[in-house]
Protein backbone atom coordinates (compact mmCIF):
# COMPACT_ATOMS: atom_id res chain seq x y z
CA MET A 1 -52.02 -260.13 18.24
CA ALA A 2 -51.50 -262.92 15.74
CA VAL A 3 -48.66 -262.54 13.27
CA ASN A 4 -48.32 -264.59 10.10
CA ALA A 5 -44.71 -265.05 9.09
CA GLN A 6 -45.82 -265.44 5.47
CA PHE A 7 -47.08 -261.87 5.26
CA LYS A 8 -44.78 -259.76 3.11
CA ASP A 9 -43.06 -256.58 4.25
CA MET A 10 -45.31 -253.70 3.11
CA THR A 11 -43.28 -250.81 4.52
CA HIS A 12 -42.61 -249.40 1.05
CA HIS A 13 -46.34 -248.82 0.55
CA LEU A 14 -46.54 -246.33 3.41
CA SER A 15 -46.69 -242.61 2.71
CA PRO A 16 -43.85 -240.36 3.96
CA GLU A 17 -46.33 -238.85 6.44
CA THR A 18 -47.04 -242.28 7.87
CA ILE A 19 -43.37 -243.15 8.18
CA ARG A 20 -42.70 -239.86 9.98
CA ARG A 21 -45.65 -240.25 12.35
CA LYS A 22 -44.62 -241.24 15.87
CA PRO A 23 -46.70 -243.14 18.41
CA ASN A 24 -48.79 -241.12 20.82
CA PRO A 25 -47.23 -241.95 24.21
CA LEU A 26 -50.33 -240.88 26.13
CA LYS A 27 -52.47 -243.27 24.07
CA ASP A 28 -49.99 -246.06 24.76
CA THR A 29 -50.47 -245.32 28.45
CA ILE A 30 -54.24 -245.61 28.04
CA ARG A 31 -53.77 -248.93 26.29
CA LEU A 32 -51.71 -250.24 29.20
CA ILE A 33 -54.41 -249.15 31.65
CA LEU A 34 -57.20 -250.76 29.62
CA GLU A 35 -55.29 -253.99 29.18
CA ASN A 36 -54.20 -254.16 32.83
CA PRO A 37 -57.11 -252.98 35.02
CA HIS A 38 -55.28 -254.16 38.19
CA LEU A 39 -52.69 -251.38 37.78
CA ILE A 40 -52.94 -248.36 40.08
CA SER A 41 -53.02 -245.44 37.69
CA LEU A 42 -51.88 -241.94 38.53
CA ALA A 43 -51.26 -241.20 34.85
CA ASN A 44 -54.56 -240.74 33.08
CA GLY A 45 -56.20 -237.40 32.36
CA ASP A 46 -59.83 -238.52 32.20
CA PRO A 47 -62.53 -236.85 34.26
CA HIS A 48 -63.43 -238.94 37.29
CA PRO A 49 -65.90 -241.72 36.36
CA SER A 50 -68.31 -240.62 39.11
CA THR A 51 -68.93 -237.43 37.13
CA TYR A 52 -70.12 -239.26 34.00
CA PRO A 53 -73.88 -238.51 33.90
CA VAL A 54 -74.75 -241.98 32.57
CA ARG A 55 -75.37 -244.98 34.82
CA SER A 56 -76.84 -247.53 32.45
CA MET A 57 -77.94 -247.91 28.85
CA GLU A 58 -80.83 -249.80 27.34
CA PHE A 59 -81.90 -250.16 23.74
CA GLU A 60 -85.02 -251.76 22.33
CA VAL A 61 -84.16 -253.58 19.12
CA ALA A 62 -85.82 -255.90 16.64
CA ASP A 63 -86.11 -259.56 17.60
CA PRO A 64 -84.26 -261.47 14.85
CA THR A 65 -85.53 -264.93 15.80
CA GLY A 66 -88.53 -265.05 13.44
CA ALA A 67 -88.58 -266.49 9.94
CA ASP A 68 -88.32 -263.06 8.28
CA PRO A 69 -87.48 -260.53 11.02
CA VAL A 70 -87.04 -257.49 8.75
CA ALA A 71 -90.45 -258.02 7.13
CA THR A 72 -92.02 -258.49 10.57
CA TRP A 73 -90.29 -255.39 11.93
CA ARG A 74 -91.53 -253.25 9.05
CA ALA A 75 -95.05 -254.67 8.88
CA LEU A 76 -95.94 -254.65 12.58
CA GLY A 77 -94.31 -251.36 13.49
CA LEU A 78 -94.73 -250.62 17.20
CA SER A 79 -96.31 -254.05 17.67
CA ALA A 80 -93.26 -255.93 16.37
CA PRO A 81 -91.49 -258.23 18.87
CA THR A 82 -88.38 -256.72 20.40
CA LEU A 83 -85.40 -257.47 22.58
CA ARG A 84 -83.81 -255.21 25.13
CA VAL A 85 -80.06 -254.75 24.86
CA SER A 86 -78.64 -253.19 27.98
CA ALA A 87 -75.53 -252.25 29.85
CA ASP A 88 -76.60 -252.09 33.48
CA PRO A 89 -74.09 -252.34 36.35
CA ALA A 90 -76.93 -253.08 38.77
CA SER A 91 -77.60 -256.43 37.11
CA ASN A 92 -74.20 -257.23 35.59
CA ALA A 93 -70.97 -256.12 37.23
CA ALA A 94 -69.02 -256.38 33.98
CA ASP A 95 -71.23 -253.68 32.47
CA ALA A 96 -69.82 -251.11 34.88
CA MET A 97 -66.38 -251.46 33.30
CA LEU A 98 -67.89 -251.44 29.80
CA ILE A 99 -69.77 -248.19 30.39
CA ARG A 100 -66.75 -246.62 32.07
CA SER A 101 -64.55 -247.62 29.11
CA SER A 102 -67.03 -246.18 26.61
CA MET A 103 -67.11 -242.81 28.39
CA ARG A 104 -63.41 -242.31 28.84
CA TYR A 105 -60.62 -241.53 26.41
CA GLY A 106 -59.95 -244.71 24.51
CA HIS A 107 -57.39 -246.44 22.36
CA GLY A 108 -57.30 -246.13 18.57
CA ALA A 109 -58.19 -249.78 17.97
CA GLY A 110 -61.64 -249.28 19.55
CA LEU A 111 -63.36 -250.98 22.46
CA LYS A 112 -62.02 -254.48 22.97
CA GLU A 113 -65.56 -255.86 23.26
CA LEU A 114 -66.50 -254.49 19.84
CA CYS A 115 -63.21 -255.63 18.30
CA ASP A 116 -64.01 -259.12 19.59
CA ALA A 117 -67.52 -258.91 18.12
CA VAL A 118 -66.44 -257.83 14.62
CA GLY A 119 -63.63 -260.36 14.81
CA GLY A 120 -66.39 -262.94 15.25
CA ILE A 121 -68.19 -261.58 12.17
CA ASN A 122 -64.97 -261.86 10.18
CA ALA A 123 -64.41 -265.44 11.33
CA ARG A 124 -67.97 -266.38 10.35
CA TYR A 125 -67.94 -264.96 6.81
CA HIS A 126 -64.26 -264.88 5.82
CA THR A 127 -61.11 -266.95 6.12
CA ALA A 128 -58.52 -264.60 7.58
CA PRO A 129 -57.17 -266.02 10.86
CA HIS A 130 -54.07 -263.80 10.91
CA HIS A 131 -55.75 -260.49 10.07
CA VAL A 132 -56.98 -258.19 12.83
CA PRO A 133 -59.84 -255.65 13.11
CA THR A 134 -59.58 -251.95 13.86
CA ILE A 135 -62.74 -249.97 14.61
CA SER A 136 -63.32 -247.03 12.24
CA LEU A 137 -65.58 -244.01 11.96
CA ALA A 138 -67.50 -245.87 9.23
CA SER A 139 -66.33 -246.08 5.62
CA ALA A 140 -65.88 -242.42 4.63
CA ASP A 141 -63.47 -241.55 7.41
CA GLY A 142 -61.94 -244.99 7.11
CA ILE A 143 -61.09 -244.42 3.45
CA THR A 144 -59.70 -240.96 4.16
CA LYS A 145 -57.32 -242.39 6.72
CA LEU A 146 -56.18 -245.09 4.29
CA TRP A 147 -55.31 -242.50 1.66
CA ARG A 148 -53.23 -240.66 4.27
CA MET A 149 -51.53 -243.88 5.26
CA LEU A 150 -50.74 -245.05 1.72
CA GLY A 151 -50.72 -241.99 -0.51
CA ALA A 152 -47.89 -239.51 -1.16
CA VAL A 153 -47.86 -236.50 -3.45
CA GLY A 154 -47.46 -237.76 -7.00
CA ASP A 155 -48.62 -241.31 -6.26
CA TYR A 156 -51.03 -243.05 -8.63
CA PHE A 157 -53.92 -245.16 -7.39
CA LEU A 158 -56.15 -247.45 -9.44
CA ALA A 159 -59.95 -247.50 -9.30
CA ASP A 160 -62.94 -248.59 -11.38
CA GLU A 161 -63.56 -246.10 -14.18
CA TYR A 162 -66.93 -245.42 -12.55
CA THR A 163 -66.70 -245.14 -8.79
CA PHE A 164 -68.27 -243.43 -5.78
CA GLY A 165 -66.87 -239.91 -6.20
CA PRO A 166 -66.38 -238.81 -2.57
CA MET A 167 -64.07 -241.75 -1.91
CA ALA A 168 -61.82 -240.79 -4.81
CA LEU A 169 -61.98 -237.08 -4.02
CA ALA A 170 -60.70 -237.79 -0.51
CA ALA A 171 -57.33 -238.73 -2.02
CA ASP A 172 -56.99 -235.62 -4.19
CA ALA A 173 -55.94 -233.39 -1.29
CA HIS A 174 -53.02 -235.74 -0.62
CA GLY A 175 -51.70 -235.25 -4.14
CA VAL A 176 -52.81 -238.68 -5.34
CA LYS A 177 -53.73 -239.12 -9.00
CA TRP A 178 -56.24 -241.68 -10.26
CA VAL A 179 -55.85 -244.24 -13.01
CA PRO A 180 -59.23 -245.62 -14.15
CA VAL A 181 -59.60 -249.33 -14.91
CA ARG A 182 -62.21 -250.46 -17.44
CA ILE A 183 -65.27 -252.26 -16.08
CA ASP A 184 -68.15 -254.15 -17.66
CA ALA A 185 -71.31 -255.83 -16.36
CA GLY A 186 -69.10 -258.19 -14.34
CA GLY A 187 -67.08 -255.42 -12.69
CA LEU A 188 -63.40 -254.59 -13.06
CA ILE A 189 -61.79 -256.22 -16.10
CA PRO A 190 -58.59 -258.02 -15.00
CA ALA A 191 -57.01 -257.79 -18.44
CA ASP A 192 -57.22 -253.99 -18.39
CA LEU A 193 -55.75 -253.88 -14.89
CA GLU A 194 -52.84 -256.01 -16.04
CA ARG A 195 -52.33 -253.87 -19.16
CA LEU A 196 -52.15 -250.67 -17.13
CA LEU A 197 -49.57 -252.10 -14.74
CA ARG A 198 -47.53 -253.95 -17.34
CA ASP A 199 -47.31 -250.99 -19.75
CA TRP A 200 -46.91 -248.27 -17.15
CA ASP A 201 -44.82 -245.32 -18.36
CA ASP A 202 -42.13 -244.77 -15.73
CA GLY A 203 -41.83 -241.20 -16.98
CA LEU A 204 -45.13 -240.47 -15.25
CA GLY A 205 -43.77 -241.53 -11.90
CA ARG A 206 -44.08 -244.50 -9.59
CA ARG A 207 -46.26 -247.32 -10.89
CA PRO A 208 -49.68 -247.45 -9.19
CA HIS A 209 -49.42 -249.39 -5.93
CA VAL A 210 -53.00 -249.18 -4.57
CA LEU A 211 -56.22 -250.54 -6.09
CA TYR A 212 -59.53 -249.30 -4.68
CA LEU A 213 -62.65 -251.28 -5.49
CA THR A 214 -66.10 -252.27 -4.23
CA PRO A 215 -66.44 -255.94 -5.20
CA CYS A 216 -70.13 -256.46 -4.32
CA GLY A 217 -72.91 -254.25 -5.65
CA GLN A 218 -70.39 -251.76 -6.98
CA ASN A 219 -71.49 -248.15 -6.64
CA PRO A 220 -72.78 -246.96 -9.10
CA THR A 221 -72.97 -249.88 -11.55
CA GLY A 222 -74.28 -252.60 -9.20
CA SER A 223 -71.80 -255.12 -10.61
CA THR A 224 -70.38 -257.96 -8.49
CA LEU A 225 -67.03 -259.60 -9.19
CA SER A 226 -67.04 -263.34 -9.77
CA LEU A 227 -64.67 -265.55 -7.80
CA GLU A 228 -62.66 -266.14 -10.97
CA ARG A 229 -62.13 -262.39 -11.44
CA ARG A 230 -61.26 -261.90 -7.78
CA LYS A 231 -58.60 -264.60 -7.95
CA ARG A 232 -57.15 -263.13 -11.14
CA ILE A 233 -57.11 -259.59 -9.73
CA TYR A 234 -55.33 -260.84 -6.62
CA GLU A 235 -52.75 -262.67 -8.75
CA ILE A 236 -52.08 -259.48 -10.71
CA ALA A 237 -51.74 -257.54 -7.44
CA GLN A 238 -49.13 -260.07 -6.31
CA VAL A 239 -47.14 -259.81 -9.54
CA TYR A 240 -47.10 -255.99 -9.53
CA ASP A 241 -47.04 -255.51 -5.74
CA VAL A 242 -50.37 -253.70 -5.39
CA ILE A 243 -52.33 -253.12 -2.19
CA ILE A 244 -56.04 -253.97 -2.60
CA VAL A 245 -58.43 -251.73 -0.68
CA GLU A 246 -61.62 -253.80 -0.52
CA ASP A 247 -64.43 -251.39 0.39
CA ASP A 248 -67.41 -253.73 0.77
CA PRO A 249 -70.43 -252.00 2.40
CA TYR A 250 -72.92 -254.09 0.39
CA TYR A 251 -71.41 -257.49 1.16
CA PHE A 252 -74.44 -258.64 3.16
CA LEU A 253 -76.93 -257.42 0.53
CA GLN A 254 -76.62 -260.31 -1.95
CA TYR A 255 -79.53 -261.25 -4.24
CA ASP A 256 -80.67 -264.07 -6.45
CA LEU A 257 -81.38 -263.26 -10.06
CA PRO A 258 -85.01 -262.38 -10.84
CA ASN A 259 -87.22 -265.43 -11.48
CA ALA A 260 -84.74 -267.72 -9.71
CA ASP A 261 -86.08 -271.02 -8.44
CA PRO A 262 -87.51 -270.19 -4.99
CA SER A 263 -86.76 -273.74 -3.81
CA ALA A 264 -83.06 -273.40 -4.63
CA PRO A 265 -80.60 -273.04 -1.73
CA GLU A 266 -79.98 -269.50 -0.56
CA LYS A 267 -77.19 -267.75 -2.41
CA PRO A 268 -73.95 -267.97 -0.40
CA PHE A 269 -71.98 -264.92 0.56
CA PRO A 270 -69.08 -264.46 -1.88
CA THR A 271 -65.44 -265.19 -1.18
CA SER A 272 -63.83 -261.88 -0.29
CA PHE A 273 -60.42 -260.60 -1.29
CA LEU A 274 -59.65 -260.78 2.42
CA SER A 275 -60.18 -264.54 2.32
CA LEU A 276 -57.76 -264.80 -0.62
CA ASP A 277 -55.05 -262.74 1.06
CA VAL A 278 -51.85 -264.62 1.88
CA ASP A 279 -49.46 -261.66 1.58
CA GLY A 280 -51.09 -259.12 3.91
CA ARG A 281 -51.82 -256.87 0.92
CA VAL A 282 -55.63 -256.64 1.36
CA ILE A 283 -57.16 -253.89 3.49
CA ARG A 284 -60.86 -254.55 3.93
CA LEU A 285 -63.47 -252.05 5.09
CA ASP A 286 -66.88 -253.04 6.48
CA SER A 287 -69.58 -250.77 7.83
CA PHE A 288 -72.73 -251.04 9.92
CA SER A 289 -74.26 -248.22 7.87
CA LYS A 290 -76.11 -250.40 5.36
CA VAL A 291 -77.17 -253.21 7.70
CA MET A 292 -77.91 -251.19 10.87
CA ALA A 293 -77.99 -247.40 10.46
CA PRO A 294 -75.58 -244.87 8.92
CA GLY A 295 -75.96 -242.55 11.92
CA LEU A 296 -74.04 -245.00 14.09
CA ARG A 297 -70.87 -243.95 12.23
CA VAL A 298 -69.10 -247.19 13.09
CA GLY A 299 -67.32 -249.64 10.84
CA TRP A 300 -64.11 -251.61 10.88
CA TYR A 301 -60.93 -252.28 8.98
CA THR A 302 -59.51 -255.77 8.70
CA THR A 303 -55.81 -255.79 7.90
CA SER A 304 -52.50 -257.41 8.60
CA PRO A 305 -51.04 -256.58 12.03
CA PHE A 306 -48.56 -254.29 10.26
CA PHE A 307 -51.23 -252.01 8.80
CA HIS A 308 -53.28 -252.28 12.01
CA ALA A 309 -50.43 -250.73 13.99
CA HIS A 310 -50.14 -247.79 11.61
CA LEU A 311 -53.90 -247.23 11.51
CA VAL A 312 -54.04 -247.14 15.30
CA ARG A 313 -51.19 -244.64 15.33
CA LEU A 314 -53.03 -242.41 12.84
CA ILE A 315 -56.32 -242.65 14.75
CA ASP A 316 -54.61 -241.85 18.05
CA ASN A 317 -53.07 -238.72 16.52
CA SER A 318 -56.18 -237.46 14.69
CA THR A 319 -59.86 -238.21 15.30
CA GLN A 320 -59.24 -240.74 18.09
CA HIS A 321 -61.62 -243.67 18.42
CA PRO A 322 -65.31 -243.60 17.34
CA SER A 323 -67.89 -242.52 19.91
CA GLY A 324 -68.11 -244.93 22.82
CA LEU A 325 -71.90 -245.06 23.01
CA PRO A 326 -72.47 -246.66 19.58
CA GLN A 327 -69.58 -249.01 20.30
CA VAL A 328 -71.22 -250.19 23.53
CA PHE A 329 -74.56 -250.66 21.79
CA LEU A 330 -73.02 -252.76 19.01
CA ALA A 331 -70.79 -254.73 21.38
CA GLN A 332 -73.78 -255.65 23.54
CA LEU A 333 -75.99 -256.37 20.54
CA LEU A 334 -73.46 -258.75 18.98
CA ALA A 335 -72.27 -260.36 22.21
CA PRO A 336 -73.32 -263.96 22.93
CA ALA A 337 -76.76 -264.00 24.57
CA ASP A 338 -75.44 -265.18 27.92
CA ALA A 339 -72.88 -262.36 28.04
CA SER A 340 -75.45 -259.55 28.21
CA ALA A 341 -77.89 -258.92 31.03
CA GLY A 342 -80.57 -257.65 28.68
CA GLY A 343 -80.16 -260.25 25.98
CA ALA A 344 -78.54 -259.71 22.58
CA TRP A 345 -78.58 -260.87 19.00
CA GLY A 346 -75.23 -262.58 19.04
CA LEU A 347 -73.71 -263.64 15.74
CA ASP A 348 -76.63 -265.98 15.01
CA GLY A 349 -79.08 -263.12 15.42
CA PHE A 350 -76.91 -260.86 13.24
CA ASP A 351 -76.84 -263.54 10.56
CA ARG A 352 -80.63 -263.93 10.63
CA TRP A 353 -81.05 -260.16 10.43
CA VAL A 354 -78.76 -259.61 7.43
CA ARG A 355 -80.24 -262.57 5.55
CA SER A 356 -83.73 -261.22 6.14
CA LEU A 357 -82.52 -257.73 5.20
CA ARG A 358 -81.22 -258.92 1.86
CA ARG A 359 -84.57 -260.60 1.14
CA ASP A 360 -86.26 -257.27 1.85
CA TYR A 361 -83.95 -255.42 -0.53
CA GLN A 362 -84.33 -258.15 -3.13
CA ARG A 363 -88.09 -257.56 -3.08
CA ARG A 364 -87.42 -253.85 -3.58
CA ARG A 365 -85.01 -254.53 -6.42
CA ASP A 366 -87.51 -256.81 -8.14
CA LEU A 367 -90.22 -254.15 -7.83
CA LEU A 368 -87.99 -251.54 -9.44
CA LEU A 369 -87.06 -253.94 -12.24
CA ARG A 370 -90.72 -254.80 -12.90
CA LEU A 371 -91.58 -251.11 -13.07
CA PHE A 372 -88.58 -250.52 -15.30
CA ASP A 373 -89.58 -253.29 -17.71
CA ALA A 374 -93.14 -251.95 -17.93
CA HIS A 375 -92.43 -248.23 -18.25
CA VAL A 376 -88.88 -247.89 -19.56
CA GLY A 377 -87.42 -251.08 -20.98
CA ALA A 378 -90.42 -251.81 -23.17
CA SER A 379 -89.63 -248.71 -25.21
CA GLY A 380 -86.28 -250.14 -26.30
CA LEU A 381 -84.67 -246.81 -25.42
CA ALA A 382 -82.92 -248.00 -22.27
CA SER A 383 -81.81 -251.25 -20.63
CA ALA A 384 -80.48 -252.47 -17.28
CA ASP A 385 -78.78 -255.57 -15.89
CA PRO A 386 -80.30 -256.89 -12.64
CA PRO A 387 -77.78 -256.23 -9.86
CA GLU A 388 -76.84 -259.21 -7.68
CA ALA A 389 -75.92 -257.01 -4.71
CA GLY A 390 -76.11 -253.45 -3.44
CA MET A 391 -78.78 -250.78 -3.72
CA PHE A 392 -78.57 -249.50 -7.28
CA VAL A 393 -79.74 -250.21 -10.81
CA TRP A 394 -77.44 -248.83 -13.52
CA ILE A 395 -79.55 -247.88 -16.52
CA ARG A 396 -78.01 -247.60 -19.97
CA VAL A 397 -79.72 -245.03 -22.16
CA HIS A 398 -79.39 -246.05 -25.81
CA ILE A 399 -78.27 -242.59 -26.76
CA GLU A 400 -76.99 -243.75 -30.14
CA ARG A 401 -80.65 -244.09 -31.20
CA HIS A 402 -81.42 -240.45 -30.47
CA PRO A 403 -82.23 -238.51 -33.67
CA ARG A 404 -79.67 -235.83 -32.78
CA PHE A 405 -76.87 -238.23 -31.88
CA ALA A 406 -73.74 -237.25 -33.82
CA ARG A 407 -70.21 -238.56 -34.17
CA ARG A 408 -67.15 -236.42 -34.78
CA ALA A 409 -65.30 -237.08 -38.00
CA ALA A 410 -61.74 -238.47 -37.97
CA ALA A 411 -61.85 -239.38 -34.29
CA VAL A 412 -59.00 -241.40 -32.81
CA GLY A 413 -59.84 -245.04 -33.31
CA GLU A 414 -61.64 -244.43 -36.62
CA THR A 415 -58.60 -243.46 -38.66
CA GLU A 416 -56.08 -245.90 -40.07
CA GLY A 417 -52.41 -245.99 -40.95
CA PRO A 418 -49.96 -243.12 -40.26
CA GLU A 419 -52.74 -240.68 -39.40
CA ARG A 420 -54.00 -242.96 -36.66
CA GLU A 421 -50.46 -243.50 -35.33
CA ARG A 422 -49.86 -239.75 -35.12
CA ALA A 423 -53.20 -239.26 -33.39
CA VAL A 424 -52.43 -241.94 -30.85
CA ALA A 425 -48.92 -240.64 -30.22
CA HIS A 426 -50.28 -237.18 -29.47
CA ARG A 427 -53.31 -238.15 -27.44
CA PRO A 428 -54.44 -235.28 -25.23
CA ARG A 429 -54.20 -235.53 -21.45
CA THR A 430 -57.99 -235.55 -21.41
CA PRO A 431 -59.36 -237.30 -24.52
CA LEU A 432 -61.59 -235.24 -26.75
CA PRO A 433 -65.16 -236.53 -27.06
CA GLN A 434 -65.91 -238.42 -30.24
CA THR A 435 -69.68 -237.94 -29.97
CA ASN A 436 -72.22 -235.54 -28.47
CA THR A 437 -73.22 -238.13 -25.84
CA ALA A 438 -72.36 -235.86 -22.91
CA ALA A 439 -74.44 -232.96 -24.20
CA LEU A 440 -77.45 -235.19 -24.87
CA MET A 441 -77.24 -236.85 -21.46
CA ASN A 442 -77.12 -233.44 -19.80
CA GLU A 443 -80.30 -232.54 -21.67
CA PHE A 444 -81.93 -235.75 -20.48
CA PHE A 445 -80.94 -235.09 -16.87
CA ASP A 446 -82.40 -231.58 -17.05
CA ALA A 447 -85.60 -232.96 -18.58
CA CYS A 448 -85.94 -235.36 -15.65
CA LEU A 449 -85.59 -232.48 -13.20
CA ARG A 450 -88.25 -230.45 -14.99
CA ALA A 451 -90.57 -233.45 -14.78
CA GLY A 452 -90.02 -233.72 -11.03
CA ILE A 453 -87.68 -236.71 -10.79
CA VAL A 454 -84.02 -236.91 -9.78
CA VAL A 455 -81.64 -239.58 -11.06
CA CYS A 456 -77.87 -239.61 -10.75
CA PRO A 457 -76.16 -238.98 -14.11
CA GLY A 458 -73.43 -241.42 -15.09
CA TRP A 459 -70.85 -238.70 -15.62
CA ALA A 460 -71.02 -237.85 -11.89
CA PHE A 461 -69.26 -241.15 -11.14
CA VAL A 462 -66.45 -240.97 -13.70
CA THR A 463 -63.09 -241.43 -11.98
CA ASN A 464 -61.14 -238.24 -12.57
CA ALA A 465 -57.86 -238.75 -14.41
CA GLU A 466 -55.29 -236.26 -15.63
CA GLU A 467 -54.02 -238.51 -18.41
CA ASP A 468 -55.59 -240.76 -21.02
CA TYR A 469 -54.77 -244.29 -19.86
CA GLY A 470 -57.06 -246.10 -22.27
CA GLU A 471 -55.84 -248.42 -24.95
CA PRO A 472 -54.98 -246.63 -28.21
CA GLY A 473 -58.16 -246.12 -30.16
CA ALA A 474 -60.42 -246.82 -27.18
CA VAL A 475 -63.64 -244.86 -26.90
CA PRO A 476 -63.23 -242.12 -24.24
CA ILE A 477 -65.34 -242.61 -21.15
CA ILE A 478 -67.19 -239.36 -21.78
CA ASP A 479 -68.67 -241.06 -24.85
CA ARG A 480 -69.61 -244.12 -22.78
CA SER A 481 -71.31 -242.25 -19.94
CA ASN A 482 -74.81 -242.73 -21.29
CA PHE A 483 -76.02 -244.08 -17.92
CA VAL A 484 -78.13 -243.01 -14.99
CA ARG A 485 -78.10 -244.54 -11.52
CA THR A 486 -81.35 -245.29 -9.75
CA THR A 487 -81.84 -246.73 -6.27
CA PHE A 488 -84.29 -249.22 -4.80
CA SER A 489 -83.43 -248.34 -1.19
CA GLY A 490 -86.32 -245.86 -1.01
CA SER A 491 -89.98 -246.60 -0.44
CA GLU A 492 -92.16 -248.63 -2.78
CA GLU A 493 -94.34 -245.55 -3.23
CA THR A 494 -91.35 -243.54 -4.43
CA MET A 495 -90.46 -246.14 -7.04
CA GLU A 496 -94.08 -246.56 -8.18
CA ALA A 497 -94.37 -242.80 -8.66
CA GLY A 498 -90.93 -242.14 -10.13
CA VAL A 499 -90.30 -244.90 -12.67
CA PRO A 500 -93.35 -244.08 -14.86
CA ILE A 501 -92.16 -240.47 -14.97
CA LEU A 502 -88.70 -241.66 -16.01
CA GLY A 503 -90.25 -243.69 -18.83
CA ARG A 504 -92.37 -240.76 -20.04
CA VAL A 505 -89.43 -238.33 -19.97
CA LEU A 506 -87.28 -240.82 -21.90
CA LYS A 507 -89.86 -241.22 -24.66
CA GLU A 508 -90.39 -237.47 -24.96
CA PHE A 509 -86.66 -236.86 -24.99
CA PHE A 510 -86.14 -239.24 -27.92
CA LEU A 511 -88.79 -237.37 -29.89
CA ALA A 512 -87.02 -234.02 -29.46
């Protein structure tokens, strides 16, 4: 395991639970057996391998060698060209050990073959030679384990003011409180992050030491951080000693802007926070859910060796490693072609697949945007920025144009002088709404349901906070939640049927 002497000591970021957790000695024994197959073992408690009712495995997968393999796979259906990915001891002696390893109790880091494969993915798309991978049960369980590793009762974590709710909720049970950071069309605003850390009230407790974000195709807003913002956010994290949790499931789904020059070079994959990390303060999560299938339930962390050791310890004492069968499938799929008896994608095949996949989703995004322009945007009652990554379009409803839109009198931010100072000094823990935006947006959501269409309301993604951390006089987020999230990951028929209904409901709603 590579160790970079420049990585900083991050022990103080660990939760008390993590510090108290001891290694699992039985799992350490398994690791020794796996790493030293020549040893004669009388220690393990696995069933005998001859009783495993699986001899070989074979999967038929898409052939990624064509010009646009995803389009070919979808268009030709059962006639599409395929490859067979197999683990068959009869044709490859090494496969016997692989299958045996996948069926037995394993080590928390995951199968070595899959660790090697995702390490190859990391090396291809990122610059992180001293970070190491750890296989995870995809992103949801991966995040939950991180909160256990880093979060103590009373800790404060930072997150985008709109974020994917289940990820934030997973920290609540550990007594973690959330501090929302303002975002705009370009994602998290570095100046607001710096303000929150610089002006932190020590009376509330320990200054936030973890920042959770999705830098590409942020869920729900679809925003993608520029390299300039990423560098600035990392600099701020260094100054205030913050761990960056980079949850990046949409990294491979990058798109050109609509009407981009088709002859222009393909958009490069962005520089990750992982590639910027010189301190060992970035914990990156990747997942096969969006580029393969969510049912695989396999992803991976990439961290410093320090955090890797603690993650393995937590995995060994809780869920244990992800299922061996998906790990074997992915390891064989991503292995070099000459390392698998049945043939495999390898990293070149993976690269061709994800590039074709992003072209497929870009076509879907462009269809949704065309439908939106024709049926919704033309009314002037809503607008949307084209996302450059991800699966979602974040639609802003111009609720201030609604005939029943109303603003409360003497709201904080509208008063001046001593009255304003007193109002700011006695801001409530949860800011009072200044407008009736929330009520109107609830009406709009209900109207959509009655018309037979479901969209995700913006308020469902608001990061829950016990205190008001906004700048004095800032508009509360409840008054800025005039958004709905729509997806282009569904079928073309769904979009063609749903968007016109959305446009009709919007027009009728603004007449009410």
